[in-house]
Amino acid sequence: MFRHRGLVSVPWTTAVCILFCAVDLNESTIIVHSEDQCAIVGETIQFKCSTNKTGNDTIEWGHSDVNGSEMKFIYLLGDLDKSLKRYNVSVNAETGSYNLIINNVMSEDAGTFRCKEKDSRKEIADFKDARLIVTEKLFRS
């Protein structure tokens, strides 16, 4: 049984999804990132990504579907893919925060999201992945 905001669902598989952020204190340049998330169709979710390098637009966001298709860019060099009307990236370059927001989540949003940072030579310096699991419907308890 799965409870979400007072609603109950009996999914075909049992999964526990917890939303929290991880703070990475190693040598990684991405210092805050989201973990795997669950969402119900129609919700708004946010994936967090912060870097310790501020002032430059070095973060990219990508998405791969649940079948593991090639990573498609969502946000690249400060530009958001205009065909993704429900997606937005909240940027604060001064603090190094590049959070991906998905409005009205749909089943096709499920998959892996990648926050990737490039260095001054435009080579990958670091990346973090988080999965999105989307459930279709819930029943009132």
C-alpha atoms as a PDB file:
ATOM      1  CA  MET A   1       0.000   0.000   0.000  1.00  0.00           C
ATOM      2  CA  PHE A   2       1.349   3.473  -0.912  1.00  0.00           C
ATOM      3  CA  ARG A   3       0.189   6.646   0.830  1.00  0.00           C
ATOM      4  CA  HIS A   4       0.694  10.058  -0.664  1.00  0.00           C
ATOM      5  CA  ARG A   5      -1.024  13.204   0.665  1.00  0.00           C
ATOM      6  CA  GLY A   6      -3.955  11.292   2.126  1.00  0.00           C
ATOM      7  CA  LEU A   7      -4.399   9.087  -0.929  1.00  0.00           C
ATOM      8  CA  VAL A   8      -3.849   5.341  -1.067  1.00  0.00           C
ATOM      9  CA  SER A   9      -2.705   3.189  -3.948  1.00  0.00           C
ATOM     10  CA  VAL A  10      -2.015  -0.488  -4.255  1.00  0.00           C
ATOM     11  CA  PRO A  11       0.824  -0.565  -6.793  1.00  0.00           C
ATOM     12  CA  TRP A  12       1.751  -3.734  -8.659  1.00  0.00           C
ATOM     13  CA  THR A  13       5.156  -3.519  -6.995  1.00  0.00           C
ATOM     14  CA  THR A  14       6.046  -2.245  -3.577  1.00  0.00           C
ATOM     15  CA  ALA A  15       8.430   0.675  -3.533  1.00  0.00           C
ATOM     16  CA  VAL A  16       9.375   3.214  -0.938  1.00  0.00           C
ATOM     17  CA  CYS A  17      10.476   6.571  -2.289  1.00  0.00           C
ATOM     18  CA  ILE A  18      11.881   9.271  -0.085  1.00  0.00           C
ATOM     19  CA  LEU A  19      12.747  12.771  -1.267  1.00  0.00           C
ATOM     20  CA  PHE A  20      15.803  14.303   0.311  1.00  0.00           C
ATOM     21  CA  CYS A  21      18.959  16.013  -0.759  1.00  0.00           C
ATOM     22  CA  ALA A  22      22.454  14.688  -0.350  1.00  0.00           C
ATOM     23  CA  VAL A  23      25.341  16.937   0.522  1.00  0.00           C
ATOM     24  CA  ASP A  24      28.612  15.680  -0.907  1.00  0.00           C
ATOM     25  CA  LEU A  25      31.654  16.871   1.007  1.00  0.00           C
ATOM     26  CA  ASN A  26      34.255  15.023  -1.055  1.00  0.00           C
ATOM     27  CA  GLU A  27      36.239  16.626  -3.879  1.00  0.00           C
ATOM     28  CA  SER A  28      33.168  16.632  -6.083  1.00  0.00           C
ATOM     29  CA  THR A  29      32.216  19.975  -7.592  1.00  0.00           C
ATOM     30  CA  ILE A  30      28.481  19.202  -7.385  1.00  0.00           C
ATOM     31  CA  ILE A  31      27.844  19.635  -3.682  1.00  0.00           C
ATOM     32  CA  VAL A  32      24.045  19.308  -3.405  1.00  0.00           C
ATOM     33  CA  HIS A  33      21.933  16.994  -5.534  1.00  0.00           C
ATOM     34  CA  SER A  34      18.560  15.273  -5.399  1.00  0.00           C
ATOM     35  CA  GLU A  35      18.115  11.600  -4.779  1.00  0.00           C
ATOM     36  CA  ASP A  36      15.591   9.366  -6.571  1.00  0.00           C
ATOM     37  CA  GLN A  37      11.996  10.642  -6.418  1.00  0.00           C
ATOM     38  CA  CYS A  38       8.436   9.369  -6.813  1.00  0.00           C
ATOM     39  CA  ALA A  39       5.677  11.531  -8.250  1.00  0.00           C
ATOM     40  CA  ILE A  40       2.030  11.169  -9.160  1.00  0.00           C
ATOM     41  CA  VAL A  41       0.878  12.314 -12.598  1.00  0.00           C
ATOM     42  CA  GLY A  42      -0.001  16.013 -12.397  1.00  0.00           C
ATOM     43  CA  GLU A  43       2.341  16.941  -9.541  1.00  0.00           C
ATOM     44  CA  THR A  44       5.218  19.420  -9.639  1.00  0.00           C
ATOM     45  CA  ILE A  45       8.653  18.159  -8.615  1.00  0.00           C
ATOM     46  CA  GLN A  46      12.115  19.621  -8.280  1.00  0.00           C
ATOM     47  CA  PHE A  47      15.553  18.118  -8.742  1.00  0.00           C
ATOM     48  CA  LYS A  48      18.263  20.085  -6.961  1.00  0.00           C
ATOM     49  CA  CYS A  49      21.773  20.634  -8.208  1.00  0.00           C
ATOM     50  CA  SER A  50      24.328  23.010  -6.727  1.00  0.00           C
ATOM     51  CA  THR A  51      27.986  23.410  -7.476  1.00  0.00           C
ATOM     52  CA  ASN A  52      30.816  24.946  -5.486  1.00  0.00           C
ATOM     53  CA  LYS A  53      31.802  26.926  -8.575  1.00  0.00           C
ATOM     54  CA  THR A  54      29.785  30.131  -8.765  1.00  0.00           C
ATOM     55  CA  GLY A  55      29.292  32.845 -11.351  1.00  0.00           C
ATOM     56  CA  ASN A  56      29.595  30.655 -14.448  1.00  0.00           C
ATOM     57  CA  ASP A  57      26.900  28.769 -16.328  1.00  0.00           C
ATOM     58  CA  THR A  58      28.627  25.378 -16.251  1.00  0.00           C
ATOM     59  CA  ILE A  59      25.697  23.110 -15.299  1.00  0.00           C
ATOM     60  CA  GLU A  60      23.769  21.015 -17.827  1.00  0.00           C
ATOM     61  CA  TRP A  61      20.636  18.934 -17.279  1.00  0.00           C
ATOM     62  CA  GLY A  62      19.808  15.807 -19.272  1.00  0.00           C
ATOM     63  CA  HIS A  63      17.107  13.100 -19.301  1.00  0.00           C
ATOM     64  CA  SER A  64      17.064   9.462 -20.319  1.00  0.00           C
ATOM     65  CA  ASP A  65      13.780   7.516 -20.343  1.00  0.00           C
ATOM     66  CA  VAL A  66      13.098   4.353 -18.327  1.00  0.00           C
ATOM     67  CA  ASN A  67      14.432   2.206 -21.180  1.00  0.00           C
ATOM     68  CA  GLY A  68      17.845   3.837 -20.881  1.00  0.00           C
ATOM     69  CA  SER A  69      17.707   5.771 -24.128  1.00  0.00           C
ATOM     70  CA  GLU A  70      20.476   8.197 -24.985  1.00  0.00           C
ATOM     71  CA  MET A  71      20.623  11.205 -22.650  1.00  0.00           C
ATOM     72  CA  LYS A  72      18.764  14.166 -24.189  1.00  0.00           C
ATOM     73  CA  PHE A  73      19.651  17.685 -23.134  1.00  0.00           C
ATOM     74  CA  ILE A  74      17.085  19.707 -21.224  1.00  0.00           C
ATOM     75  CA  TYR A  75      19.304  22.637 -20.244  1.00  0.00           C
ATOM     76  CA  LEU A  76      22.561  23.370 -22.028  1.00  0.00           C
ATOM     77  CA  LEU A  77      24.835  26.425 -21.823  1.00  0.00           C
ATOM     78  CA  GLY A  78      22.108  28.508 -20.208  1.00  0.00           C
ATOM     79  CA  ASP A  79      19.413  27.524 -22.727  1.00  0.00           C
ATOM     80  CA  LEU A  80      16.354  25.436 -21.884  1.00  0.00           C
ATOM     81  CA  ASP A  81      14.944  23.165 -24.624  1.00  0.00           C
ATOM     82  CA  LYS A  82      11.928  25.219 -25.760  1.00  0.00           C
ATOM     83  CA  SER A  83       9.933  22.106 -26.675  1.00  0.00           C
ATOM     84  CA  LEU A  84       9.767  21.139 -22.978  1.00  0.00           C
ATOM     85  CA  LYS A  85       7.015  23.554 -21.922  1.00  0.00           C
ATOM     86  CA  ARG A  86       6.532  21.964 -18.477  1.00  0.00           C
ATOM     87  CA  TYR A  87      10.240  22.140 -17.588  1.00  0.00           C
ATOM     88  CA  ASN A  88      12.082  25.067 -16.049  1.00  0.00           C
ATOM     89  CA  VAL A  89      15.522  25.581 -14.513  1.00  0.00           C
ATOM     90  CA  SER A  90      15.721  27.930 -11.543  1.00  0.00           C
ATOM     91  CA  VAL A  91      19.209  29.437 -11.747  1.00  0.00           C
ATOM     92  CA  ASN A  92      21.140  31.371  -9.140  1.00  0.00           C
ATOM     93  CA  ALA A  93      24.650  31.550 -10.595  1.00  0.00           C
ATOM     94  CA  GLU A  94      25.893  33.506  -7.560  1.00  0.00           C
ATOM     95  CA  THR A  95      25.175  30.555  -5.249  1.00  0.00           C
ATOM     96  CA  GLY A  96      25.815  27.869  -7.892  1.00  0.00           C
ATOM     97  CA  SER A  97      22.212  26.569  -7.755  1.00  0.00           C
ATOM     98  CA  TYR A  98      20.596  25.088 -10.920  1.00  0.00           C
ATOM     99  CA  ASN A  99      17.364  23.379  -9.875  1.00  0.00           C
ATOM    100  CA  LEU A 100      15.236  21.557 -12.451  1.00  0.00           C
ATOM    101  CA  ILE A 101      11.476  21.996 -11.964  1.00  0.00           C
ATOM    102  CA  ILE A 102       8.943  19.800 -13.780  1.00  0.00           C
ATOM    103  CA  ASN A 103       5.335  21.009 -13.711  1.00  0.00           C
ATOM    104  CA  ASN A 104       2.386  18.680 -14.306  1.00  0.00           C
ATOM    105  CA  VAL A 105       4.492  15.492 -14.237  1.00  0.00           C
ATOM    106  CA  MET A 106       3.533  12.954 -16.903  1.00  0.00           C
ATOM    107  CA  SER A 107       4.406   9.268 -17.232  1.00  0.00           C
ATOM    108  CA  GLU A 108       6.878  10.021 -20.039  1.00  0.00           C
ATOM    109  CA  ASP A 109       8.929  12.109 -17.567  1.00  0.00           C
ATOM    110  CA  ALA A 110       9.950   8.909 -15.761  1.00  0.00           C
ATOM    111  CA  GLY A 111      13.591   7.947 -16.125  1.00  0.00           C
ATOM    112  CA  THR A 112      17.000   9.271 -15.151  1.00  0.00           C
ATOM    113  CA  PHE A 113      17.854  12.939 -14.796  1.00  0.00           C
ATOM    114  CA  ARG A 114      21.494  14.003 -14.874  1.00  0.00           C
ATOM    115  CA  CYS A 115      22.992  17.174 -13.474  1.00  0.00           C
ATOM    116  CA  LYS A 116      26.380  17.594 -15.119  1.00  0.00           C
ATOM    117  CA  GLU A 117      29.082  20.194 -14.569  1.00  0.00           C
ATOM    118  CA  LYS A 118      31.702  21.083 -17.115  1.00  0.00           C
ATOM    119  CA  ASP A 119      35.059  22.654 -16.328  1.00  0.00           C
ATOM    120  CA  SER A 120      36.679  25.647 -18.059  1.00  0.00           C
ATOM    121  CA  ARG A 121      37.770  23.373 -20.957  1.00  0.00           C
ATOM    122  CA  LYS A 122      34.121  22.213 -21.363  1.00  0.00           C
ATOM    123  CA  GLU A 123      35.033  18.715 -20.190  1.00  0.00           C
ATOM    124  CA  ILE A 124      32.878  16.870 -17.680  1.00  0.00           C
ATOM    125  CA  ALA A 125      34.078  17.706 -14.181  1.00  0.00           C
ATOM    126  CA  ASP A 126      31.325  15.912 -12.260  1.00  0.00           C
ATOM    127  CA  PHE A 127      27.784  14.572 -12.642  1.00  0.00           C
ATOM    128  CA  LYS A 128      25.012  13.188 -10.444  1.00  0.00           C
ATOM    129  CA  ASP A 129      22.010  11.100 -11.509  1.00  0.00           C
ATOM    130  CA  ALA A 130      18.574  10.780  -9.920  1.00  0.00           C
ATOM    131  CA  ARG A 131      15.652   8.653 -11.079  1.00  0.00           C
ATOM    132  CA  LEU A 132      12.038   9.737 -11.331  1.00  0.00           C
ATOM    133  CA  ILE A 133       9.343   7.106 -10.820  1.00  0.00           C
ATOM    134  CA  VAL A 134       5.865   8.224 -11.912  1.00  0.00           C
ATOM    135  CA  THR A 135       2.676   6.558 -10.696  1.00  0.00           C
ATOM    136  CA  GLU A 136      -0.549   6.898 -12.623  1.00  0.00           C
ATOM    137  CA  LYS A 137      -3.403   6.881 -10.164  1.00  0.00           C
ATOM    138  CA  LEU A 138      -4.287   6.724  -6.521  1.00  0.00           C
ATOM    139  CA  PHE A 139      -7.480   5.913  -4.700  1.00  0.00           C
ATOM    140  CA  ARG A 140      -8.939   7.842  -1.749  1.00  0.00           C
ATOM    141  CA  SER A 141      -8.811   6.015   1.570  1.00  0.00           C
END
